[in-house]
Amino acid sequence: MYRVVEMFGDNEPWWFLEGWEEDIVQSSSFENLEDALCYYKKCWLEYRKKFDEVNSKRNFLAAFWSEDDERWCEECNDYLQQYHSLAILYDNKMLAEEIGKKKYERVTSEGKAKSCSMK
């Protein structure tokens, strides 16, 4: 079963850090990859219209953000970038890079390379 998940949180989707499932705000299931791709592309284009920054990988993992969308982290005493993310998963795992087409890989900036050091 394929799923397209939309997430919001401190981490870009390719990290899959412990508790990543808690960042899921929307999940849609599909029987085949083609239907999942169609929905992913629709969502990807909508997010791209809303956000200036994007980092998108070949294996259908994408993070979108605005530089001013941060939250204060008491544990690490710093601001953390907040990401709106998309992912196509199969059995809750990321797809192999070979499946994706190069056109889905895009980076507009390096973003903030920090995450909570206390986690």
PDB file of N, CA and C in Angstrom:
ATOM      1  N   MET A   1       0.840  -1.182   0.000  1.00  0.00           N
ATOM      2  CA  MET A   1       0.000   0.000   0.000  1.00  0.00           C
ATOM      3  C   MET A   1       0.889   1.251   0.000  1.00  0.00           C
ATOM      4  N   TYR A   2       0.616   2.150  -0.897  1.00  0.00           N
ATOM      5  CA  TYR A   2       1.335   3.431  -0.972  1.00  0.00           C
ATOM      6  C   TYR A   2       0.565   4.469  -0.181  1.00  0.00           C
ATOM      7  N   ARG A   3       1.320   5.376   0.431  1.00  0.00           N
ATOM      8  CA  ARG A   3       0.708   6.501   1.147  1.00  0.00           C
ATOM      9  C   ARG A   3       1.420   7.781   0.756  1.00  0.00           C
ATOM     10  N   VAL A   4       0.643   8.829   0.581  1.00  0.00           N
ATOM     11  CA  VAL A   4       1.198  10.170   0.460  1.00  0.00           C
ATOM     12  C   VAL A   4       0.886  10.847   1.780  1.00  0.00           C
ATOM     13  N   VAL A   5       1.947  11.239   2.482  1.00  0.00           N
ATOM     14  CA  VAL A   5       1.762  11.896   3.777  1.00  0.00           C
ATOM     15  C   VAL A   5       2.216  13.345   3.685  1.00  0.00           C
ATOM     16  N   GLU A   6       1.471  14.196   4.363  1.00  0.00           N
ATOM     17  CA  GLU A   6       1.825  15.595   4.509  1.00  0.00           C
ATOM     18  C   GLU A   6       2.184  15.790   5.974  1.00  0.00           C
ATOM     19  N   MET A   7       3.305  16.460   6.218  1.00  0.00           N
ATOM     20  CA  MET A   7       3.794  16.631   7.581  1.00  0.00           C
ATOM     21  C   MET A   7       4.114  18.091   7.851  1.00  0.00           C
ATOM     22  N   PHE A   8       4.151  18.429   9.132  1.00  0.00           N
ATOM     23  CA  PHE A   8       4.576  19.756   9.555  1.00  0.00           C
ATOM     24  C   PHE A   8       5.387  19.588  10.827  1.00  0.00           C
ATOM     25  N   GLY A   9       6.609  20.131  10.829  1.00  0.00           N
ATOM     26  CA  GLY A   9       7.439  20.013  12.021  1.00  0.00           C
ATOM     27  C   GLY A   9       8.852  20.506  11.805  1.00  0.00           C
ATOM     28  N   ASP A  10       9.714  20.161  12.758  1.00  0.00           N
ATOM     29  CA  ASP A  10      11.094  20.642  12.809  1.00  0.00           C
ATOM     30  C   ASP A  10      12.023  19.990  11.791  1.00  0.00           C
ATOM     31  N   ASN A  11      11.665  18.822  11.296  1.00  0.00           N
ATOM     32  CA  ASN A  11      12.611  18.049  10.490  1.00  0.00           C
ATOM     33  C   ASN A  11      12.141  17.853   9.060  1.00  0.00           C
ATOM     34  N   GLU A  12      13.100  17.844   8.148  1.00  0.00           N
ATOM     35  CA  GLU A  12      12.801  17.513   6.766  1.00  0.00           C
ATOM     36  C   GLU A  12      12.451  16.024   6.714  1.00  0.00           C
ATOM     37  N   PRO A  13      11.637  15.610   5.766  1.00  0.00           N
ATOM     38  CA  PRO A  13      11.067  14.255   5.824  1.00  0.00           C
ATOM     39  C   PRO A  13      12.053  13.114   5.673  1.00  0.00           C
ATOM     40  N   TRP A  14      13.226  13.334   5.088  1.00  0.00           N
ATOM     41  CA  TRP A  14      14.157  12.224   4.841  1.00  0.00           C
ATOM     42  C   TRP A  14      14.895  11.771   6.081  1.00  0.00           C
ATOM     43  N   TRP A  15      14.748  12.466   7.194  1.00  0.00           N
ATOM     44  CA  TRP A  15      15.444  12.058   8.412  1.00  0.00           C
ATOM     45  C   TRP A  15      14.768  10.880   9.087  1.00  0.00           C
ATOM     46  N   PHE A  16      13.479  10.796   9.031  1.00  0.00           N
ATOM     47  CA  PHE A  16      12.729   9.712   9.679  1.00  0.00           C
ATOM     48  C   PHE A  16      13.211   9.474  11.112  1.00  0.00           C
ATOM     49  N   LEU A  17      13.347  10.563  11.850  1.00  0.00           N
ATOM     50  CA  LEU A  17      13.780  10.462  13.243  1.00  0.00           C
ATOM     51  C   LEU A  17      12.670   9.846  14.086  1.00  0.00           C
ATOM     52  N   GLU A  18      13.040   9.308  15.221  1.00  0.00           N
ATOM     53  CA  GLU A  18      12.068   8.698  16.116  1.00  0.00           C
ATOM     54  C   GLU A  18      10.910   9.657  16.362  1.00  0.00           C
ATOM     55  N   GLY A  19       9.701   9.155  16.221  1.00  0.00           N
ATOM     56  CA  GLY A  19       8.509   9.962  16.430  1.00  0.00           C
ATOM     57  C   GLY A  19       8.077  10.771  15.220  1.00  0.00           C
ATOM     58  N   TRP A  20       8.689  10.516  14.043  1.00  0.00           N
ATOM     59  CA  TRP A  20       8.364  11.292  12.849  1.00  0.00           C
ATOM     60  C   TRP A  20       6.884  11.213  12.497  1.00  0.00           C
ATOM     61  N   GLU A  21       6.241  10.104  12.838  1.00  0.00           N
ATOM     62  CA  GLU A  21       4.824   9.925  12.516  1.00  0.00           C
ATOM     63  C   GLU A  21       3.941  10.964  13.197  1.00  0.00           C
ATOM     64  N   GLU A  22       4.417  11.525  14.306  1.00  0.00           N
ATOM     65  CA  GLU A  22       3.638  12.533  15.039  1.00  0.00           C
ATOM     66  C   GLU A  22       3.508  13.832  14.246  1.00  0.00           C
ATOM     67  N   ASP A  23       4.362  14.044  13.247  1.00  0.00           N
ATOM     68  CA  ASP A  23       4.302  15.250  12.417  1.00  0.00           C
ATOM     69  C   ASP A  23       3.305  15.140  11.263  1.00  0.00           C
ATOM     70  N   ILE A  24       2.720  13.954  11.059  1.00  0.00           N
ATOM     71  CA  ILE A  24       1.775  13.766   9.952  1.00  0.00           C
ATOM     72  C   ILE A  24       0.487  14.537  10.242  1.00  0.00           C
ATOM     73  N   VAL A  25       0.106  15.379   9.273  1.00  0.00           N
ATOM     74  CA  VAL A  25      -1.137  16.141   9.396  1.00  0.00           C
ATOM     75  C   VAL A  25      -2.199  15.643   8.415  1.00  0.00           C
ATOM     76  N   GLN A  26      -1.779  14.895   7.388  1.00  0.00           N
ATOM     77  CA  GLN A  26      -2.709  14.346   6.402  1.00  0.00           C
ATOM     78  C   GLN A  26      -2.074  13.104   5.790  1.00  0.00           C
ATOM     79  N   SER A  27      -2.890  12.079   5.573  1.00  0.00           N
ATOM     80  CA  SER A  27      -2.397  10.851   4.960  1.00  0.00           C
ATOM     81  C   SER A  27      -3.450  10.319   3.991  1.00  0.00           C
ATOM     82  N   SER A  28      -2.998   9.975   2.787  1.00  0.00           N
ATOM     83  CA  SER A  28      -3.896   9.414   1.780  1.00  0.00           C
ATOM     84  C   SER A  28      -3.290   8.114   1.262  1.00  0.00           C
ATOM     85  N   SER A  29      -4.104   7.073   1.168  1.00  0.00           N
ATOM     86  CA  SER A  29      -3.634   5.749   0.754  1.00  0.00           C
ATOM     87  C   SER A  29      -4.016   5.454  -0.694  1.00  0.00           C
ATOM     88  N   PHE A  30      -3.132   4.689  -1.365  1.00  0.00           N
ATOM     89  CA  PHE A  30      -3.337   4.352  -2.769  1.00  0.00           C
ATOM     90  C   PHE A  30      -2.911   2.911  -3.013  1.00  0.00           C
ATOM     91  N   GLU A  31      -3.624   2.246  -3.904  1.00  0.00           N
ATOM     92  CA  GLU A  31      -3.316   0.860  -4.242  1.00  0.00           C
ATOM     93  C   GLU A  31      -2.085   0.742  -5.129  1.00  0.00           C
ATOM     94  N   ASN A  32      -1.818   1.766  -5.954  1.00  0.00           N
ATOM     95  CA  ASN A  32      -0.689   1.664  -6.881  1.00  0.00           C
ATOM     96  C   ASN A  32       0.114   2.961  -6.892  1.00  0.00           C
ATOM     97  N   LEU A  33       1.337   2.854  -7.390  1.00  0.00           N
ATOM     98  CA  LEU A  33       2.262   3.983  -7.408  1.00  0.00           C
ATOM     99  C   LEU A  33       1.772   5.102  -8.319  1.00  0.00           C
ATOM    100  N   GLU A  34       1.154   4.765  -9.421  1.00  0.00           N
ATOM    101  CA  GLU A  34       0.703   5.785 -10.369  1.00  0.00           C
ATOM    102  C   GLU A  34      -0.297   6.742  -9.727  1.00  0.00           C
ATOM    103  N   ASP A  35      -1.263   6.202  -8.977  1.00  0.00           N
ATOM    104  CA  ASP A  35      -2.255   7.054  -8.298  1.00  0.00           C
ATOM    105  C   ASP A  35      -1.591   7.891  -7.211  1.00  0.00           C
ATOM    106  N   ALA A  36      -0.651   7.299  -6.489  1.00  0.00           N
ATOM    107  CA  ALA A  36       0.073   8.042  -5.447  1.00  0.00           C
ATOM    108  C   ALA A  36       0.875   9.179  -6.074  1.00  0.00           C
ATOM    109  N   LEU A  37       1.524   8.915  -7.209  1.00  0.00           N
ATOM    110  CA  LEU A  37       2.303   9.940  -7.908  1.00  0.00           C
ATOM    111  C   LEU A  37       1.430  11.099  -8.371  1.00  0.00           C
ATOM    112  N   CYS A  38       0.277  10.788  -8.885  1.00  0.00           N
ATOM    113  CA  CYS A  38      -0.644  11.824  -9.363  1.00  0.00           C
ATOM    114  C   CYS A  38      -1.042  12.745  -8.205  1.00  0.00           C
ATOM    115  N   TYR A  39      -1.380  12.165  -7.066  1.00  0.00           N
ATOM    116  CA  TYR A  39      -1.762  12.965  -5.899  1.00  0.00           C
ATOM    117  C   TYR A  39      -0.564  13.752  -5.355  1.00  0.00           C
ATOM    118  N   TYR A  40       0.592  13.118  -5.301  1.00  0.00           N
ATOM    119  CA  TYR A  40       1.815  13.777  -4.830  1.00  0.00           C
ATOM    120  C   TYR A  40       2.122  15.003  -5.687  1.00  0.00           C
ATOM    121  N   LYS A  41       2.035  14.836  -7.003  1.00  0.00           N
ATOM    122  CA  LYS A  41       2.336  15.944  -7.917  1.00  0.00           C
ATOM    123  C   LYS A  41       1.374  17.107  -7.684  1.00  0.00           C
ATOM    124  N   LYS A  42       0.091  16.807  -7.494  1.00  0.00           N
ATOM    125  CA  LYS A  42      -0.908  17.847  -7.229  1.00  0.00           C
ATOM    126  C   LYS A  42      -0.548  18.599  -5.943  1.00  0.00           C
ATOM    127  N   CYS A  43      -0.231  17.866  -4.897  1.00  0.00           N
ATOM    128  CA  CYS A  43       0.141  18.487  -3.621  1.00  0.00           C
ATOM    129  C   CYS A  43       1.440  19.280  -3.753  1.00  0.00           C
ATOM    130  N   TRP A  44       2.424  18.700  -4.450  1.00  0.00           N
ATOM    131  CA  TRP A  44       3.723  19.349  -4.628  1.00  0.00           C
ATOM    132  C   TRP A  44       3.548  20.712  -5.284  1.00  0.00           C
ATOM    133  N   LEU A  45       2.745  20.779  -6.328  1.00  0.00           N
ATOM    134  CA  LEU A  45       2.516  22.041  -7.039  1.00  0.00           C
ATOM    135  C   LEU A  45       1.796  23.063  -6.156  1.00  0.00           C
ATOM    136  N   GLU A  46       0.866  22.601  -5.326  1.00  0.00           N
ATOM    137  CA  GLU A  46       0.171  23.516  -4.406  1.00  0.00           C
ATOM    138  C   GLU A  46       1.140  24.081  -3.366  1.00  0.00           C
ATOM    139  N   TYR A  47       1.973  23.230  -2.791  1.00  0.00           N
ATOM    140  CA  TYR A  47       2.961  23.707  -1.815  1.00  0.00           C
ATOM    141  C   TYR A  47       3.955  24.666  -2.475  1.00  0.00           C
ATOM    142  N   ARG A  48       4.354  24.362  -3.687  1.00  0.00           N
ATOM    143  CA  ARG A  48       5.343  25.202  -4.382  1.00  0.00           C
ATOM    144  C   ARG A  48       4.821  26.615  -4.605  1.00  0.00           C
ATOM    145  N   LYS A  49       3.515  26.742  -4.823  1.00  0.00           N
ATOM    146  CA  LYS A  49       2.906  28.064  -4.980  1.00  0.00           C
ATOM    147  C   LYS A  49       2.923  28.853  -3.671  1.00  0.00           C
ATOM    148  N   LYS A  50       2.849  28.164  -2.547  1.00  0.00           N
ATOM    149  CA  LYS A  50       2.741  28.809  -1.234  1.00  0.00           C
ATOM    150  C   LYS A  50       4.091  29.181  -0.625  1.00  0.00           C
ATOM    151  N   PHE A  51       5.145  28.434  -0.956  1.00  0.00           N
ATOM    152  CA  PHE A  51       6.422  28.604  -0.265  1.00  0.00           C
ATOM    153  C   PHE A  51       7.557  28.908  -1.241  1.00  0.00           C
ATOM    154  N   ASP A  52       8.432  29.821  -0.818  1.00  0.00           N
ATOM    155  CA  ASP A  52       9.578  30.206  -1.650  1.00  0.00           C
ATOM    156  C   ASP A  52      10.668  29.144  -1.649  1.00  0.00           C
ATOM    157  N   GLU A  53      10.833  28.466  -0.548  1.00  0.00           N
ATOM    158  CA  GLU A  53      11.937  27.519  -0.392  1.00  0.00           C
ATOM    159  C   GLU A  53      11.444  26.081  -0.540  1.00  0.00           C
ATOM    160  N   VAL A  54      12.257  25.282  -1.242  1.00  0.00           N
ATOM    161  CA  VAL A  54      11.918  23.871  -1.421  1.00  0.00           C
ATOM    162  C   VAL A  54      13.205  23.058  -1.518  1.00  0.00           C
ATOM    163  N   ASN A  55      13.165  21.871  -0.955  1.00  0.00           N
ATOM    164  CA  ASN A  55      14.214  20.877  -1.138  1.00  0.00           C
ATOM    165  C   ASN A  55      13.481  19.574  -1.424  1.00  0.00           C
ATOM    166  N   SER A  56      13.596  19.108  -2.650  1.00  0.00           N
ATOM    167  CA  SER A  56      12.829  17.967  -3.114  1.00  0.00           C
ATOM    168  C   SER A  56      13.769  16.895  -3.649  1.00  0.00           C
ATOM    169  N   LYS A  57      13.562  15.669  -3.220  1.00  0.00           N
ATOM    170  CA  LYS A  57      14.440  14.555  -3.591  1.00  0.00           C
ATOM    171  C   LYS A  57      13.801  13.674  -4.657  1.00  0.00           C
ATOM    172  N   ARG A  58      14.640  12.901  -5.344  1.00  0.00           N
ATOM    173  CA  ARG A  58      14.167  11.987  -6.393  1.00  0.00           C
ATOM    174  C   ARG A  58      13.208  10.928  -5.873  1.00  0.00           C
ATOM    175  N   ASN A  59      13.364  10.546  -4.629  1.00  0.00           N
ATOM    176  CA  ASN A  59      12.531   9.474  -4.094  1.00  0.00           C
ATOM    177  C   ASN A  59      11.257  10.015  -3.434  1.00  0.00           C
ATOM    178  N   PHE A  60      10.775  11.133  -3.956  1.00  0.00           N
ATOM    179  CA  PHE A  60       9.483  11.689  -3.594  1.00  0.00           C
ATOM    180  C   PHE A  60       9.375  12.078  -2.122  1.00  0.00           C
ATOM    181  N   LEU A  61      10.390  12.768  -1.665  1.00  0.00           N
ATOM    182  CA  LEU A  61      10.406  13.400  -0.350  1.00  0.00           C
ATOM    183  C   LEU A  61      10.678  14.870  -0.602  1.00  0.00           C
ATOM    184  N   ALA A  62       9.842  15.744  -0.060  1.00  0.00           N
ATOM    185  CA  ALA A  62       9.992  17.173  -0.317  1.00  0.00           C
ATOM    186  C   ALA A  62       9.695  17.975   0.938  1.00  0.00           C
ATOM    187  N   ALA A  63      10.475  19.025   1.133  1.00  0.00           N
ATOM    188  CA  ALA A  63      10.259  19.954   2.249  1.00  0.00           C
ATOM    189  C   ALA A  63      10.085  21.352   1.670  1.00  0.00           C
ATOM    190  N   PHE A  64       9.094  22.059   2.171  1.00  0.00           N
ATOM    191  CA  PHE A  64       8.793  23.428   1.761  1.00  0.00           C
ATOM    192  C   PHE A  64       8.792  24.284   3.017  1.00  0.00           C
ATOM    193  N   TRP A  65       9.289  25.527   2.901  1.00  0.00           N
ATOM    194  CA  TRP A  65       9.308  26.382   4.076  1.00  0.00           C
ATOM    195  C   TRP A  65       9.443  27.854   3.708  1.00  0.00           C
ATOM    196  N   SER A  66       9.154  28.675   4.707  1.00  0.00           N
ATOM    197  CA  SER A  66       9.413  30.111   4.658  1.00  0.00           C
ATOM    198  C   SER A  66      10.424  30.396   5.756  1.00  0.00           C
ATOM    199  N   GLU A  67      11.398  31.222   5.454  1.00  0.00           N
ATOM    200  CA  GLU A  67      12.481  31.507   6.406  1.00  0.00           C
ATOM    201  C   GLU A  67      11.969  32.004   7.762  1.00  0.00           C
ATOM    202  N   ASP A  68      10.844  32.700   7.774  1.00  0.00           N
ATOM    203  CA  ASP A  68      10.347  33.277   9.025  1.00  0.00           C
ATOM    204  C   ASP A  68       9.429  32.337   9.810  1.00  0.00           C
ATOM    205  N   ASP A  69       9.229  31.117   9.339  1.00  0.00           N
ATOM    206  CA  ASP A  69       8.387  30.152  10.041  1.00  0.00           C
ATOM    207  C   ASP A  69       9.263  29.284  10.941  1.00  0.00           C
ATOM    208  N   GLU A  70       9.440  29.760  12.162  1.00  0.00           N
ATOM    209  CA  GLU A  70      10.289  29.074  13.143  1.00  0.00           C
ATOM    210  C   GLU A  70       9.528  28.923  14.455  1.00  0.00           C
ATOM    211  N   ARG A  71      10.010  28.020  15.282  1.00  0.00           N
ATOM    212  CA  ARG A  71       9.468  27.904  16.644  1.00  0.00           C
ATOM    213  C   ARG A  71      10.634  27.881  17.613  1.00  0.00           C
ATOM    214  N   TRP A  72      10.379  28.387  18.806  1.00  0.00           N
ATOM    215  CA  TRP A  72      11.400  28.407  19.841  1.00  0.00           C
ATOM    216  C   TRP A  72      11.458  27.042  20.515  1.00  0.00           C
ATOM    217  N   CYS A  73      12.664  26.515  20.660  1.00  0.00           N
ATOM    218  CA  CYS A  73      12.874  25.233  21.327  1.00  0.00           C
ATOM    219  C   CYS A  73      13.528  25.502  22.678  1.00  0.00           C
ATOM    220  N   GLU A  74      12.797  25.237  23.747  1.00  0.00           N
ATOM    221  CA  GLU A  74      13.325  25.442  25.101  1.00  0.00           C
ATOM    222  C   GLU A  74      14.511  24.520  25.370  1.00  0.00           C
ATOM    223  N   GLU A  75      14.418  23.278  24.897  1.00  0.00           N
ATOM    224  CA  GLU A  75      15.453  22.284  25.186  1.00  0.00           C
ATOM    225  C   GLU A  75      16.814  22.655  24.597  1.00  0.00           C
ATOM    226  N   CYS A  76      16.806  23.177  23.365  1.00  0.00           N
ATOM    227  CA  CYS A  76      18.090  23.504  22.741  1.00  0.00           C
ATOM    228  C   CYS A  76      18.368  25.007  22.742  1.00  0.00           C
ATOM    229  N   ASN A  77      17.434  25.781  23.289  1.00  0.00           N
ATOM    230  CA  ASN A  77      17.629  27.222  23.447  1.00  0.00           C
ATOM    231  C   ASN A  77      17.943  27.911  22.112  1.00  0.00           C
ATOM    232  N   ASP A  78      17.110  27.570  21.100  1.00  0.00           N
ATOM    233  CA  ASP A  78      17.320  28.137  19.775  1.00  0.00           C
ATOM    234  C   ASP A  78      16.011  28.054  18.997  1.00  0.00           C
ATOM    235  N   TYR A  79      15.960  28.786  17.888  1.00  0.00           N
ATOM    236  CA  TYR A  79      14.815  28.710  16.985  1.00  0.00           C
ATOM    237  C   TYR A  79      15.036  27.573  15.990  1.00  0.00           C
ATOM    238  N   LEU A  80      13.966  26.839  15.709  1.00  0.00           N
ATOM    239  CA  LEU A  80      14.024  25.737  14.754  1.00  0.00           C
ATOM    240  C   LEU A  80      13.127  26.038  13.566  1.00  0.00           C
ATOM    241  N   GLN A  81      13.659  25.831  12.376  1.00  0.00           N
ATOM    242  CA  GLN A  81      12.882  26.008  11.159  1.00  0.00           C
ATOM    243  C   GLN A  81      11.735  25.009  11.154  1.00  0.00           C
ATOM    244  N   GLN A  82      10.575  25.429  10.669  1.00  0.00           N
ATOM    245  CA  GLN A  82       9.419  24.549  10.538  1.00  0.00           C
ATOM    246  C   GLN A  82       9.215  24.222   9.061  1.00  0.00           C
ATOM    247  N   TYR A  83       9.015  22.941   8.776  1.00  0.00           N
ATOM    248  CA  TYR A  83       8.901  22.460   7.401  1.00  0.00           C
ATOM    249  C   TYR A  83       7.520  21.872   7.141  1.00  0.00           C
ATOM    250  N   HIS A  84       6.987  22.167   5.959  1.00  0.00           N
ATOM    251  CA  HIS A  84       5.799  21.512   5.429  1.00  0.00           C
ATOM    252  C   HIS A  84       6.357  20.476   4.471  1.00  0.00           C
ATOM    253  N   SER A  85       6.066  19.217   4.727  1.00  0.00           N
ATOM    254  CA  SER A  85       6.716  18.155   3.956  1.00  0.00           C
ATOM    255  C   SER A  85       5.719  17.233   3.287  1.00  0.00           C
ATOM    256  N   LEU A  86       6.180  16.637   2.211  1.00  0.00           N
ATOM    257  CA  LEU A  86       5.420  15.637   1.458  1.00  0.00           C
ATOM    258  C   LEU A  86       6.296  14.403   1.288  1.00  0.00           C
ATOM    259  N   ALA A  87       5.661  13.243   1.295  1.00  0.00           N
ATOM    260  CA  ALA A  87       6.410  12.010   1.063  1.00  0.00           C
ATOM    261  C   ALA A  87       5.484  10.945   0.490  1.00  0.00           C
ATOM    262  N   ILE A  88       6.030  10.167  -0.434  1.00  0.00           N
ATOM    263  CA  ILE A  88       5.349   8.943  -0.847  1.00  0.00           C
ATOM    264  C   ILE A  88       6.058   7.804  -0.126  1.00  0.00           C
ATOM    265  N   LEU A  89       5.288   7.015   0.575  1.00  0.00           N
ATOM    266  CA  LEU A  89       5.840   5.892   1.336  1.00  0.00           C
ATOM    267  C   LEU A  89       5.228   4.583   0.847  1.00  0.00           C
ATOM    268  N   TYR A  90       6.002   3.529   0.976  1.00  0.00           N
ATOM    269  CA  TYR A  90       5.485   2.188   0.737  1.00  0.00           C
ATOM    270  C   TYR A  90       5.794   1.380   1.988  1.00  0.00           C
ATOM    271  N   ASP A  91       4.773   0.871   2.637  1.00  0.00           N
ATOM    272  CA  ASP A  91       4.934   0.177   3.923  1.00  0.00           C
ATOM    273  C   ASP A  91       5.701   1.051   4.927  1.00  0.00           C
ATOM    274  N   ASN A  92       5.373   2.340   4.964  1.00  0.00           N
ATOM    275  CA  ASN A  92       5.980   3.325   5.879  1.00  0.00           C
ATOM    276  C   ASN A  92       7.479   3.515   5.678  1.00  0.00           C
ATOM    277  N   LYS A  93       7.973   3.185   4.503  1.00  0.00           N
ATOM    278  CA  LYS A  93       9.386   3.395   4.187  1.00  0.00           C
ATOM    279  C   LYS A  93       9.486   4.242   2.928  1.00  0.00           C
ATOM    280  N   MET A  94      10.590   5.000   2.829  1.00  0.00           N
ATOM    281  CA  MET A  94      10.779   5.821   1.632  1.00  0.00           C
ATOM    282  C   MET A  94      11.042   4.943   0.420  1.00  0.00           C
ATOM    283  N   LEU A  95      10.727   5.478  -0.752  1.00  0.00           N
ATOM    284  CA  LEU A  95      10.949   4.767  -2.005  1.00  0.00           C
ATOM    285  C   LEU A  95      12.411   4.875  -2.410  1.00  0.00           C
ATOM    286  N   ALA A  96      12.870   3.951  -3.223  1.00  0.00           N
ATOM    287  CA  ALA A  96      14.233   3.997  -3.742  1.00  0.00           C
ATOM    288  C   ALA A  96      14.377   5.186  -4.690  1.00  0.00           C
ATOM    289  N   GLU A  97      15.540   5.810  -4.688  1.00  0.00           N
ATOM    290  CA  GLU A  97      15.791   6.967  -5.554  1.00  0.00           C
ATOM    291  C   GLU A  97      15.623   6.639  -7.025  1.00  0.00           C
ATOM    292  N   GLU A  98      15.875   5.402  -7.409  1.00  0.00           N
ATOM    293  CA  GLU A  98      15.797   5.028  -8.810  1.00  0.00           C
ATOM    294  C   GLU A  98      14.372   5.136  -9.355  1.00  0.00           C
ATOM    295  N   ILE A  99      13.384   5.099  -8.484  1.00  0.00           N
ATOM    296  CA  ILE A  99      11.990   5.174  -8.915  1.00  0.00           C
ATOM    297  C   ILE A  99      11.649   6.571  -9.400  1.00  0.00           C
ATOM    298  N   GLY A 100      12.222   7.581  -8.748  1.00  0.00           N
ATOM    299  CA  GLY A 100      11.891   8.963  -9.062  1.00  0.00           C
ATOM    300  C   GLY A 100      12.548   9.465 -10.325  1.00  0.00           C
ATOM    301  N   LYS A 101      11.934  10.464 -10.877  1.00  0.00           N
ATOM    302  CA  LYS A 101      12.500  11.114 -12.059  1.00  0.00           C
ATOM    303  C   LYS A 101      13.257  12.340 -11.591  1.00  0.00           C
ATOM    304  N   LYS A 102      14.296  12.669 -12.294  1.00  0.00           N
ATOM    305  CA  LYS A 102      15.131  13.801 -11.904  1.00  0.00           C
ATOM    306  C   LYS A 102      14.335  15.092 -11.778  1.00  0.00           C
ATOM    307  N   LYS A 103      13.230  15.230 -12.500  1.00  0.00           N
ATOM    308  CA  LYS A 103      12.471  16.470 -12.450  1.00  0.00           C
ATOM    309  C   LYS A 103      11.878  16.747 -11.071  1.00  0.00           C
ATOM    310  N   TYR A 104      11.800  15.752 -10.211  1.00  0.00           N
ATOM    311  CA  TYR A 104      11.270  15.961  -8.870  1.00  0.00           C
ATOM    312  C   TYR A 104      12.342  16.384  -7.878  1.00  0.00           C
ATOM    313  N   GLU A 105      13.590  16.409  -8.301  1.00  0.00           N
ATOM    314  CA  GLU A 105      14.680  16.801  -7.414  1.00  0.00           C
ATOM    315  C   GLU A 105      14.952  18.290  -7.620  1.00  0.00           C
ATOM    316  N   ARG A 106      14.793  19.074  -6.559  1.00  0.00           N
ATOM    317  CA  ARG A 106      14.971  20.522  -6.672  1.00  0.00           C
ATOM    318  C   ARG A 106      15.355  21.094  -5.308  1.00  0.00           C
ATOM    319  N   VAL A 107      16.264  22.052  -5.335  1.00  0.00           N
ATOM    320  CA  VAL A 107      16.675  22.750  -4.112  1.00  0.00           C
ATOM    321  C   VAL A 107      16.716  24.236  -4.426  1.00  0.00           C
ATOM    322  N   THR A 108      16.012  25.043  -3.618  1.00  0.00           N
ATOM    323  CA  THR A 108      16.054  26.485  -3.822  1.00  0.00           C
ATOM    324  C   THR A 108      17.040  27.147  -2.878  1.00  0.00           C
ATOM    325  N   SER A 109      17.317  26.498  -1.764  1.00  0.00           N
ATOM    326  CA  SER A 109      18.340  26.995  -0.840  1.00  0.00           C
ATOM    327  C   SER A 109      18.737  25.868   0.084  1.00  0.00           C
ATOM    328  N   GLU A 110      19.813  26.064   0.779  1.00  0.00           N
ATOM    329  CA  GLU A 110      20.286  25.022   1.690  1.00  0.00           C
ATOM    330  C   GLU A 110      19.443  24.942   2.959  1.00  0.00           C
ATOM    331  N   GLY A 111      18.697  25.999   3.264  1.00  0.00           N
ATOM    332  CA  GLY A 111      17.882  25.974   4.470  1.00  0.00           C
ATOM    333  C   GLY A 111      18.747  26.017   5.710  1.00  0.00           C
ATOM    334  N   LYS A 112      18.110  25.874   6.829  1.00  0.00           N
ATOM    335  CA  LYS A 112      18.821  25.895   8.089  1.00  0.00           C
ATOM    336  C   LYS A 112      19.150  24.460   8.463  1.00  0.00           C
ATOM    337  N   ALA A 113      20.390  24.178   8.593  1.00  0.00           N
ATOM    338  CA  ALA A 113      20.828  22.809   8.873  1.00  0.00           C
ATOM    339  C   ALA A 113      20.916  22.582  10.369  1.00  0.00           C
ATOM    340  N   LYS A 114      19.845  22.883  11.072  1.00  0.00           N
ATOM    341  CA  LYS A 114      19.881  22.611  12.487  1.00  0.00           C
ATOM    342  C   LYS A 114      18.618  21.916  12.913  1.00  0.00           C
ATOM    343  N   SER A 115      18.761  21.088  13.867  1.00  0.00           N
ATOM    344  CA  SER A 115      17.618  20.449  14.492  1.00  0.00           C
ATOM    345  C   SER A 115      17.896  20.439  15.974  1.00  0.00           C
ATOM    346  N   CYS A 116      16.924  20.080  16.723  1.00  0.00           N
ATOM    347  CA  CYS A 116      17.080  20.109  18.173  1.00  0.00           C
ATOM    348  C   CYS A 116      18.198  19.150  18.590  1.00  0.00           C
ATOM    349  N   SER A 117      19.207  19.668  19.199  1.00  0.00           N
ATOM    350  CA  SER A 117      20.341  18.847  19.604  1.00  0.00           C
ATOM    351  C   SER A 117      20.028  18.003  20.840  1.00  0.00           C
ATOM    352  N   MET A 118      18.890  18.255  21.451  1.00  0.00           N
ATOM    353  CA  MET A 118      18.507  17.521  22.661  1.00  0.00           C
ATOM    354  C   MET A 118      17.749  16.241  22.339  1.00  0.00           C
ATOM    355  N   LYS A 119      17.326  16.060  21.089  1.00  0.00           N
ATOM    356  CA  LYS A 119      16.537  14.869  20.738  1.00  0.00           C
ATOM    357  C   LYS A 119      17.432  13.711  20.404  1.00  0.00           C
TER     358      LYS A 119
END
